[in-house]
């Protein structure tokens, strides 16, 4: 993480809490918006993903529910240390490892691989003026996914899913579109590439989904 831009302990805790699945829907959405425009925090989040996968706490496979709430509140209005419901020793250990830095290994890169894996780019799909470009590579605990979206109208909520061979959908990420901007979405799944059937981007209130096949 670039300390000059993101030297904010509450923000760093929130990125780790997002990886732990410890944020509510409103907080998760706001942190994801920040991730969409901050490469430094994307790298931090990627590192957290690798640590959490090793601890097998179930990171990306748990969907984030998009529920309307009567009142919005800032992500950091209340200190996260008091709001994170980490009631078990595993949860406390997980957060400690995430914030500890893991100077070697996983925080050195995506999943801690000593060599840079080769991304596999899937065919770019455009529907209704919205373009989805997805690439992936295999890592020890599953699959790292890089998605890029463009062309969606302002403030449209998009959600990225991965489908396994049994056509079961797993939510990976959701974000709000920005007109004229390519949104980059880092994500990951415990599914290996040969277990994935296709990816899908659901575009709210547009009457269509964008399906990206694996081949």
C-alpha atoms as a PDB file:
ATOM      1  CA  UNK A   1       0.000   0.000   0.000  1.00  0.00           C
ATOM      2  CA  UNK A   2       1.269   3.458  -0.832  1.00  0.00           C
ATOM      3  CA  UNK A   3       1.565   5.082   2.589  1.00  0.00           C
ATOM      4  CA  UNK A   4       1.553   8.587   1.106  1.00  0.00           C
ATOM      5  CA  UNK A   5      -1.937   8.062  -0.279  1.00  0.00           C
ATOM      6  CA  UNK A   6      -3.464   5.456   2.027  1.00  0.00           C
ATOM      7  CA  UNK A   7      -1.736   5.824   5.388  1.00  0.00           C
ATOM      8  CA  UNK A   8      -5.027   5.491   7.228  1.00  0.00           C
ATOM      9  CA  UNK A   9      -5.309   2.757   9.845  1.00  0.00           C
ATOM     10  CA  UNK A  10      -9.108   2.688   9.776  1.00  0.00           C
ATOM     11  CA  UNK A  11      -9.071   2.308   5.991  1.00  0.00           C
ATOM     12  CA  UNK A  12      -6.483  -0.457   6.167  1.00  0.00           C
ATOM     13  CA  UNK A  13      -8.536  -2.277   8.798  1.00  0.00           C
ATOM     14  CA  UNK A  14     -11.583  -1.926   6.553  1.00  0.00           C
ATOM     15  CA  UNK A  15      -9.763  -3.496   3.599  1.00  0.00           C
ATOM     16  CA  UNK A  16      -8.784  -6.415   5.834  1.00  0.00           C
ATOM     17  CA  UNK A  17     -12.295  -6.600   7.275  1.00  0.00           C
ATOM     18  CA  UNK A  18     -13.723  -6.774   3.748  1.00  0.00           C
ATOM     19  CA  UNK A  19     -11.487  -9.777   3.083  1.00  0.00           C
ATOM     20  CA  UNK A  20     -12.696 -11.356   6.334  1.00  0.00           C
ATOM     21  CA  UNK A  21     -16.318 -10.754   5.365  1.00  0.00           C
ATOM     22  CA  UNK A  22     -16.787  -8.704   8.553  1.00  0.00           C
ATOM     23  CA  UNK A  23     -18.402  -5.604   6.983  1.00  0.00           C
ATOM     24  CA  UNK A  24     -22.101  -5.071   6.496  1.00  0.00           C
ATOM     25  CA  UNK A  25     -23.510  -4.452   3.007  1.00  0.00           C
ATOM     26  CA  UNK A  26     -23.250  -0.624   3.151  1.00  0.00           C
ATOM     27  CA  UNK A  27     -19.681  -0.673   4.444  1.00  0.00           C
ATOM     28  CA  UNK A  28     -18.606  -3.313   1.931  1.00  0.00           C
ATOM     29  CA  UNK A  29     -20.021  -1.255  -0.950  1.00  0.00           C
ATOM     30  CA  UNK A  30     -18.143   1.863   0.135  1.00  0.00           C
ATOM     31  CA  UNK A  31     -14.842   0.031   0.594  1.00  0.00           C
ATOM     32  CA  UNK A  32     -15.279  -1.633  -2.822  1.00  0.00           C
ATOM     33  CA  UNK A  33     -15.844   1.802  -4.396  1.00  0.00           C
ATOM     34  CA  UNK A  34     -12.516   2.899  -2.949  1.00  0.00           C
ATOM     35  CA  UNK A  35     -10.825  -0.293  -4.175  1.00  0.00           C
ATOM     36  CA  UNK A  36     -12.118   0.348  -7.694  1.00  0.00           C
ATOM     37  CA  UNK A  37     -10.067   3.559  -7.945  1.00  0.00           C
ATOM     38  CA  UNK A  38      -7.074   2.860  -5.677  1.00  0.00           C
ATOM     39  CA  UNK A  39      -4.358   0.526  -7.043  1.00  0.00           C
ATOM     40  CA  UNK A  40      -2.478   0.615  -3.731  1.00  0.00           C
ATOM     41  CA  UNK A  41      -5.464  -0.694  -1.775  1.00  0.00           C
ATOM     42  CA  UNK A  42      -6.187  -3.223  -4.530  1.00  0.00           C
ATOM     43  CA  UNK A  43      -2.713  -4.656  -3.902  1.00  0.00           C
ATOM     44  CA  UNK A  44      -3.380  -4.690  -0.165  1.00  0.00           C
ATOM     45  CA  UNK A  45      -6.728  -6.439  -0.679  1.00  0.00           C
ATOM     46  CA  UNK A  46      -5.085  -8.993  -2.989  1.00  0.00           C
ATOM     47  CA  UNK A  47      -2.583  -9.790  -0.266  1.00  0.00           C
ATOM     48  CA  UNK A  48      -5.360 -10.184   2.285  1.00  0.00           C
ATOM     49  CA  UNK A  49      -7.124 -12.622  -0.041  1.00  0.00           C
ATOM     50  CA  UNK A  50      -4.103 -14.898  -0.126  1.00  0.00           C
ATOM     51  CA  UNK A  51      -3.696 -14.902   3.650  1.00  0.00           C
ATOM     52  CA  UNK A  52      -7.355 -15.556   4.229  1.00  0.00           C
ATOM     53  CA  UNK A  53      -7.507 -18.397   1.738  1.00  0.00           C
ATOM     54  CA  UNK A  54      -4.654 -20.124   3.536  1.00  0.00           C
ATOM     55  CA  UNK A  55      -6.574 -19.766   6.798  1.00  0.00           C
ATOM     56  CA  UNK A  56      -9.621 -21.264   5.082  1.00  0.00           C
ATOM     57  CA  UNK A  57     -12.124 -18.829   6.576  1.00  0.00           C
ATOM     58  CA  UNK A  58     -14.224 -18.727   3.392  1.00  0.00           C
ATOM     59  CA  UNK A  59     -13.484 -15.386   1.733  1.00  0.00           C
ATOM     60  CA  UNK A  60     -14.940 -14.764  -1.665  1.00  0.00           C
ATOM     61  CA  UNK A  61     -17.532 -17.504  -1.785  1.00  0.00           C
ATOM     62  CA  UNK A  62     -19.812 -15.706   0.670  1.00  0.00           C
ATOM     63  CA  UNK A  63     -22.099 -13.314  -1.259  1.00  0.00           C
ATOM     64  CA  UNK A  64     -22.582  -9.753  -0.115  1.00  0.00           C
ATOM     65  CA  UNK A  65     -26.279  -9.096   0.276  1.00  0.00           C
ATOM     66  CA  UNK A  66     -27.462  -5.928  -1.397  1.00  0.00           C
ATOM     67  CA  UNK A  67     -30.239  -4.836   0.951  1.00  0.00           C
ATOM     68  CA  UNK A  68     -31.789  -1.360   1.112  1.00  0.00           C
ATOM     69  CA  UNK A  69     -31.169   0.406   4.387  1.00  0.00           C
ATOM     70  CA  UNK A  70     -33.171   3.334   5.783  1.00  0.00           C
ATOM     71  CA  UNK A  71     -30.100   5.300   6.820  1.00  0.00           C
ATOM     72  CA  UNK A  72     -26.621   5.570   5.370  1.00  0.00           C
ATOM     73  CA  UNK A  73     -23.646   6.044   7.619  1.00  0.00           C
ATOM     74  CA  UNK A  74     -19.955   6.627   6.870  1.00  0.00           C
ATOM     75  CA  UNK A  75     -17.803   3.553   6.809  1.00  0.00           C
ATOM     76  CA  UNK A  76     -15.559   4.834   9.558  1.00  0.00           C
ATOM     77  CA  UNK A  77     -18.092   6.697  11.726  1.00  0.00           C
ATOM     78  CA  UNK A  78     -17.552   4.157  14.530  1.00  0.00           C
ATOM     79  CA  UNK A  79     -14.138   2.590  15.104  1.00  0.00           C
ATOM     80  CA  UNK A  80     -14.074  -0.732  13.310  1.00  0.00           C
ATOM     81  CA  UNK A  81     -12.303  -2.447  16.164  1.00  0.00           C
ATOM     82  CA  UNK A  82     -15.503  -2.166  18.195  1.00  0.00           C
ATOM     83  CA  UNK A  83     -17.778  -3.153  15.301  1.00  0.00           C
ATOM     84  CA  UNK A  84     -15.992  -6.173  13.886  1.00  0.00           C
ATOM     85  CA  UNK A  85     -17.788  -9.171  15.281  1.00  0.00           C
ATOM     86  CA  UNK A  86     -14.753 -11.420  15.596  1.00  0.00           C
ATOM     87  CA  UNK A  87     -15.842 -13.652  18.410  1.00  0.00           C
ATOM     88  CA  UNK A  88     -13.524 -16.607  17.894  1.00  0.00           C
ATOM     89  CA  UNK A  89      -9.817 -17.146  18.243  1.00  0.00           C
ATOM     90  CA  UNK A  90      -9.627 -17.915  14.532  1.00  0.00           C
ATOM     91  CA  UNK A  91     -11.126 -14.540  13.636  1.00  0.00           C
ATOM     92  CA  UNK A  92      -8.785 -12.664  15.947  1.00  0.00           C
ATOM     93  CA  UNK A  93      -5.799 -14.561  14.608  1.00  0.00           C
ATOM     94  CA  UNK A  94      -6.898 -13.872  11.035  1.00  0.00           C
ATOM     95  CA  UNK A  95      -7.166 -10.124  11.567  1.00  0.00           C
ATOM     96  CA  UNK A  96      -3.862 -10.104  13.403  1.00  0.00           C
ATOM     97  CA  UNK A  97      -2.119 -11.836  10.535  1.00  0.00           C
ATOM     98  CA  UNK A  98      -3.706  -9.520   7.998  1.00  0.00           C
ATOM     99  CA  UNK A  99      -2.631  -6.358   9.799  1.00  0.00           C
ATOM    100  CA  UNK A 100       0.741  -7.793  10.788  1.00  0.00           C
ATOM    101  CA  UNK A 101       2.064  -7.465   7.273  1.00  0.00           C
ATOM    102  CA  UNK A 102       3.310 -11.019   6.680  1.00  0.00           C
ATOM    103  CA  UNK A 103       6.589  -9.438   5.523  1.00  0.00           C
ATOM    104  CA  UNK A 104       7.448 -12.496   3.444  1.00  0.00           C
ATOM    105  CA  UNK A 105       5.164 -14.853   1.574  1.00  0.00           C
ATOM    106  CA  UNK A 106       1.667 -13.803   0.710  1.00  0.00           C
ATOM    107  CA  UNK A 107       1.913 -10.055   1.120  1.00  0.00           C
ATOM    108  CA  UNK A 108       4.767 -10.068  -1.368  1.00  0.00           C
ATOM    109  CA  UNK A 109       2.309 -10.663  -4.200  1.00  0.00           C
ATOM    110  CA  UNK A 110      -0.845 -12.413  -5.348  1.00  0.00           C
ATOM    111  CA  UNK A 111      -1.097 -15.544  -3.305  1.00  0.00           C
ATOM    112  CA  UNK A 112       2.646 -15.510  -2.584  1.00  0.00           C
ATOM    113  CA  UNK A 113       3.683 -17.128  -5.843  1.00  0.00           C
ATOM    114  CA  UNK A 114       7.432 -16.746  -6.413  1.00  0.00           C
ATOM    115  CA  UNK A 115       6.898 -16.478 -10.163  1.00  0.00           C
ATOM    116  CA  UNK A 116       4.485 -14.243 -11.987  1.00  0.00           C
ATOM    117  CA  UNK A 117       1.665 -16.388 -13.433  1.00  0.00           C
ATOM    118  CA  UNK A 118       0.467 -15.857 -16.969  1.00  0.00           C
ATOM    119  CA  UNK A 119      -2.992 -14.341 -17.303  1.00  0.00           C
ATOM    120  CA  UNK A 120      -5.469 -16.031 -19.613  1.00  0.00           C
ATOM    121  CA  UNK A 121      -7.636 -13.418 -21.357  1.00  0.00           C
ATOM    122  CA  UNK A 122     -11.193 -14.463 -22.173  1.00  0.00           C
ATOM    123  CA  UNK A 123     -13.067 -13.080 -25.199  1.00  0.00           C
ATOM    124  CA  UNK A 124     -14.304  -9.534 -24.620  1.00  0.00           C
ATOM    125  CA  UNK A 125     -18.103  -9.411 -24.526  1.00  0.00           C
ATOM    126  CA  UNK A 126     -20.231  -6.316 -25.216  1.00  0.00           C
ATOM    127  CA  UNK A 127     -23.975  -6.176 -24.663  1.00  0.00           C
ATOM    128  CA  UNK A 128     -26.231  -3.143 -24.566  1.00  0.00           C
ATOM    129  CA  UNK A 129     -23.179  -0.915 -24.851  1.00  0.00           C
ATOM    130  CA  UNK A 130     -21.595  -2.440 -21.730  1.00  0.00           C
ATOM    131  CA  UNK A 131     -18.260  -4.208 -22.217  1.00  0.00           C
ATOM    132  CA  UNK A 132     -16.806  -6.885 -19.945  1.00  0.00           C
ATOM    133  CA  UNK A 133     -13.182  -8.009 -20.268  1.00  0.00           C
ATOM    134  CA  UNK A 134     -12.097 -10.807 -17.917  1.00  0.00           C
ATOM    135  CA  UNK A 135      -8.742 -12.494 -17.445  1.00  0.00           C
ATOM    136  CA  UNK A 136      -7.644 -15.056 -14.882  1.00  0.00           C
ATOM    137  CA  UNK A 137      -4.780 -17.203 -13.705  1.00  0.00           C
ATOM    138  CA  UNK A 138      -4.474 -20.270 -11.529  1.00  0.00           C
ATOM    139  CA  UNK A 139      -3.018 -19.970  -8.026  1.00  0.00           C
ATOM    140  CA  UNK A 140      -2.515 -22.605  -5.346  1.00  0.00           C
ATOM    141  CA  UNK A 141      -5.809 -21.936  -3.574  1.00  0.00           C
ATOM    142  CA  UNK A 142      -8.002 -21.372  -6.640  1.00  0.00           C
ATOM    143  CA  UNK A 143      -8.264 -18.716  -9.331  1.00  0.00           C
ATOM    144  CA  UNK A 144      -7.348 -15.039  -9.349  1.00  0.00           C
ATOM    145  CA  UNK A 145      -9.674 -12.948 -11.520  1.00  0.00           C
ATOM    146  CA  UNK A 146      -9.165  -9.517 -13.102  1.00  0.00           C
ATOM    147  CA  UNK A 147     -12.305  -7.970 -14.590  1.00  0.00           C
ATOM    148  CA  UNK A 148     -12.687  -4.672 -16.451  1.00  0.00           C
ATOM    149  CA  UNK A 149     -16.045  -3.047 -17.135  1.00  0.00           C
ATOM    150  CA  UNK A 150     -16.898  -0.024 -19.239  1.00  0.00           C
ATOM    151  CA  UNK A 151     -19.858   1.571 -20.975  1.00  0.00           C
ATOM    152  CA  UNK A 152     -22.433   1.260 -18.207  1.00  0.00           C
ATOM    153  CA  UNK A 153     -24.582   4.321 -17.421  1.00  0.00           C
ATOM    154  CA  UNK A 154     -23.883   6.288 -14.266  1.00  0.00           C
ATOM    155  CA  UNK A 155     -24.523   4.676 -10.886  1.00  0.00           C
ATOM    156  CA  UNK A 156     -25.615   1.303 -12.252  1.00  0.00           C
ATOM    157  CA  UNK A 157     -24.839  -1.521  -9.825  1.00  0.00           C
ATOM    158  CA  UNK A 158     -22.966  -4.387 -11.496  1.00  0.00           C
ATOM    159  CA  UNK A 159     -22.236  -7.741  -9.857  1.00  0.00           C
ATOM    160  CA  UNK A 160     -19.649 -10.303 -10.957  1.00  0.00           C
ATOM    161  CA  UNK A 161     -20.448 -14.002 -10.555  1.00  0.00           C
ATOM    162  CA  UNK A 162     -18.550 -17.186 -11.331  1.00  0.00           C
ATOM    163  CA  UNK A 163     -20.443 -20.366 -12.284  1.00  0.00           C
ATOM    164  CA  UNK A 164     -19.115 -23.841 -11.598  1.00  0.00           C
ATOM    165  CA  UNK A 165     -19.727 -26.853 -13.819  1.00  0.00           C
ATOM    166  CA  UNK A 166     -22.999 -27.546 -11.989  1.00  0.00           C
ATOM    167  CA  UNK A 167     -24.215 -24.034 -12.877  1.00  0.00           C
ATOM    168  CA  UNK A 168     -24.077 -22.871  -9.283  1.00  0.00           C
ATOM    169  CA  UNK A 169     -23.389 -19.133  -9.055  1.00  0.00           C
ATOM    170  CA  UNK A 170     -20.908 -17.633  -6.589  1.00  0.00           C
ATOM    171  CA  UNK A 171     -20.810 -13.869  -6.122  1.00  0.00           C
ATOM    172  CA  UNK A 172     -17.317 -12.409  -6.359  1.00  0.00           C
ATOM    173  CA  UNK A 173     -17.767  -8.639  -6.290  1.00  0.00           C
ATOM    174  CA  UNK A 174     -20.161  -5.766  -6.880  1.00  0.00           C
ATOM    175  CA  UNK A 175     -19.578  -2.129  -7.755  1.00  0.00           C
ATOM    176  CA  UNK A 176     -21.264   1.008  -9.054  1.00  0.00           C
ATOM    177  CA  UNK A 177     -20.445   2.181 -12.568  1.00  0.00           C
ATOM    178  CA  UNK A 178     -18.806   5.510 -13.379  1.00  0.00           C
ATOM    179  CA  UNK A 179     -19.607   6.980 -16.827  1.00  0.00           C
ATOM    180  CA  UNK A 180     -16.636   7.236 -19.167  1.00  0.00           C
ATOM    181  CA  UNK A 181     -14.396   5.229 -16.858  1.00  0.00           C
ATOM    182  CA  UNK A 182     -13.069   1.677 -17.083  1.00  0.00           C
ATOM    183  CA  UNK A 183     -13.702   0.017 -13.728  1.00  0.00           C
ATOM    184  CA  UNK A 184     -11.091  -2.566 -12.741  1.00  0.00           C
ATOM    185  CA  UNK A 185     -12.346  -5.258 -10.388  1.00  0.00           C
ATOM    186  CA  UNK A 186      -9.917  -7.570  -8.573  1.00  0.00           C
ATOM    187  CA  UNK A 187     -11.543 -10.798  -7.380  1.00  0.00           C
ATOM    188  CA  UNK A 188     -10.782 -14.400  -6.503  1.00  0.00           C
ATOM    189  CA  UNK A 189     -12.502 -17.748  -6.090  1.00  0.00           C
ATOM    190  CA  UNK A 190     -11.540 -21.077  -4.528  1.00  0.00           C
ATOM    191  CA  UNK A 191     -12.595 -22.805  -7.761  1.00  0.00           C
ATOM    192  CA  UNK A 192      -9.732 -23.971  -9.959  1.00  0.00           C
ATOM    193  CA  UNK A 193      -9.935 -22.859 -13.612  1.00  0.00           C
ATOM    194  CA  UNK A 194     -11.010 -26.330 -14.760  1.00  0.00           C
ATOM    195  CA  UNK A 195     -13.950 -26.156 -12.321  1.00  0.00           C
ATOM    196  CA  UNK A 196     -15.271 -22.895 -13.796  1.00  0.00           C
ATOM    197  CA  UNK A 197     -17.958 -22.952 -16.485  1.00  0.00           C
ATOM    198  CA  UNK A 198     -18.276 -19.211 -17.126  1.00  0.00           C
ATOM    199  CA  UNK A 199     -18.397 -15.753 -15.580  1.00  0.00           C
ATOM    200  CA  UNK A 200     -21.421 -13.489 -15.548  1.00  0.00           C
ATOM    201  CA  UNK A 201     -21.889  -9.772 -14.932  1.00  0.00           C
ATOM    202  CA  UNK A 202     -25.383  -8.832 -13.816  1.00  0.00           C
ATOM    203  CA  UNK A 203     -26.319  -5.262 -14.631  1.00  0.00           C
ATOM    204  CA  UNK A 204     -29.140  -4.027 -12.398  1.00  0.00           C
ATOM    205  CA  UNK A 205     -32.319  -2.730 -14.037  1.00  0.00           C
ATOM    206  CA  UNK A 206     -31.007  -3.242 -17.571  1.00  0.00           C
ATOM    207  CA  UNK A 207     -32.876  -6.443 -18.407  1.00  0.00           C
ATOM    208  CA  UNK A 208     -29.793  -8.425 -19.390  1.00  0.00           C
ATOM    209  CA  UNK A 209     -26.710 -10.156 -18.042  1.00  0.00           C
ATOM    210  CA  UNK A 210     -23.302 -10.385 -19.702  1.00  0.00           C
ATOM    211  CA  UNK A 211     -22.035 -13.966 -19.936  1.00  0.00           C
ATOM    212  CA  UNK A 212     -18.303 -14.535 -20.481  1.00  0.00           C
ATOM    213  CA  UNK A 213     -17.470 -18.176 -21.350  1.00  0.00           C
ATOM    214  CA  UNK A 214     -14.203 -19.826 -20.360  1.00  0.00           C
ATOM    215  CA  UNK A 215     -13.418 -20.620 -24.000  1.00  0.00           C
END
